[in-house]
Structures are given as structure tokens and as C-alpha cells.
């Protein structure tokens, strides 16, 4: 299971993820990210500190998000 809590303050939107990032939950995160409709100029941060497991084969999505300007916290991107 994966829970996404969205908070907005000033010019930053924060997504706090909890649970496991694997299987269909990766697809759900990708869908949420691609359908995101925040105003222009609002940065996105994704916090992974409460994620208990990330499927090694699914790190591609986090890497893509990081490359497109999303700040990923709680996970190191090479």
C-alpha cells in the first residue's frame, strides 16, 4: 500500500509518501505526477522518509521525476 499526502505552502507543493513503492503503486505515483495540476512556479518536493520499501526495478520513475525538476528527499539519486 502507498499513501500520498499533499501539502502546499507558499511556492512549494510537498508530497509525503508512506508505505511501499512497488508494483501498481509505482504506476499510481506516476499517474498522480503526470496529472498534477499545480499552478506554474510551484515547485514539487517528494518526501520518501516514510517509505519502507522501493522496488529496485522501479527507481526509474524517481530518477525521471528528479531529472524533470522534482526535488526528491530521503532518497539519493545518482
Protein backbone atom coordinates (compact mmCIF):
# COMPACT_ATOMS: atom_id res chain seq x y z
CA UNK A 1 0.00 0.00 0.00
CA UNK A 2 1.12 3.56 -0.71
CA UNK A 3 -0.32 6.72 0.81
CA UNK A 4 0.33 10.14 -0.72
CA UNK A 5 -0.34 13.20 1.44
CA UNK A 6 -0.21 16.50 -0.46
CA UNK A 7 0.56 19.78 1.30
CA UNK A 8 1.06 23.22 -0.19
CA UNK A 9 2.86 26.15 1.39
CA UNK A 10 3.95 29.30 -0.41
CA UNK A 11 5.59 28.25 -3.67
CA UNK A 12 6.16 24.57 -2.81
CA UNK A 13 3.91 21.54 -3.05
CA UNK A 14 5.05 18.61 -0.90
CA UNK A 15 4.04 15.00 -1.42
CA UNK A 16 4.71 12.82 1.61
CA UNK A 17 4.79 9.16 0.65
CA UNK A 18 4.18 6.35 3.14
CA UNK A 19 4.31 2.62 2.58
CA UNK A 20 5.79 0.59 -0.25
CA UNK A 21 6.75 1.91 -3.66
CA UNK A 22 6.43 -1.19 -5.80
CA UNK A 23 4.19 -2.79 -8.41
CA UNK A 24 0.96 -0.95 -9.15
CA UNK A 25 1.77 1.73 -6.56
CA UNK A 26 4.58 2.98 -8.83
CA UNK A 27 2.04 3.34 -11.64
CA UNK A 28 -0.26 5.26 -9.29
CA UNK A 29 2.51 7.67 -8.29
CA UNK A 30 3.40 8.19 -11.95
CA UNK A 31 -0.25 8.87 -12.81
CA UNK A 32 -0.59 11.40 -9.98
CA UNK A 33 2.61 13.15 -11.03
CA UNK A 34 1.71 13.34 -14.73
CA UNK A 35 -1.82 14.58 -13.97
CA UNK A 36 -0.58 17.14 -11.42
CA UNK A 37 -2.28 20.47 -11.97
CA UNK A 38 -0.44 22.88 -9.69
CA UNK A 39 -0.03 26.50 -10.76
CA UNK A 40 3.08 27.49 -12.70
CA UNK A 41 6.00 28.37 -10.49
CA UNK A 42 5.05 25.92 -7.73
CA UNK A 43 7.94 23.54 -7.05
CA UNK A 44 7.28 19.90 -6.21
CA UNK A 45 9.06 18.03 -3.41
CA UNK A 46 8.56 14.32 -2.82
CA UNK A 47 9.45 13.07 0.66
CA UNK A 48 10.27 9.37 0.96
CA UNK A 49 11.25 9.16 4.64
CA UNK A 50 8.15 7.07 5.48
CA UNK A 51 8.59 4.69 2.51
CA UNK A 52 9.55 1.26 3.84
CA UNK A 53 10.48 -0.31 0.50
CA UNK A 54 11.35 0.79 -3.03
CA UNK A 55 11.35 -1.92 -5.68
CA UNK A 56 14.89 -1.82 -7.16
CA UNK A 57 13.49 -2.15 -10.68
CA UNK A 58 11.12 0.77 -10.15
CA UNK A 59 13.62 3.51 -9.28
CA UNK A 60 13.35 4.70 -12.88
CA UNK A 61 10.29 6.81 -12.06
CA UNK A 62 12.02 8.63 -9.19
CA UNK A 63 15.04 9.25 -11.40
CA UNK A 64 12.81 10.64 -14.19
CA UNK A 65 10.95 12.87 -11.73
CA UNK A 66 14.27 14.18 -10.36
CA UNK A 67 15.59 14.85 -13.87
CA UNK A 68 12.45 16.91 -14.59
CA UNK A 69 12.95 19.16 -11.59
CA UNK A 70 11.20 17.35 -8.74
CA UNK A 71 13.16 17.51 -5.50
CA UNK A 72 13.34 14.02 -4.04
CA UNK A 73 14.06 13.88 -0.29
CA UNK A 74 15.00 10.81 1.66
CA UNK A 75 16.49 9.02 -1.34
CA UNK A 76 19.79 9.55 -3.09
CA UNK A 77 19.68 9.96 -6.88
CA UNK A 78 22.90 9.03 -8.72
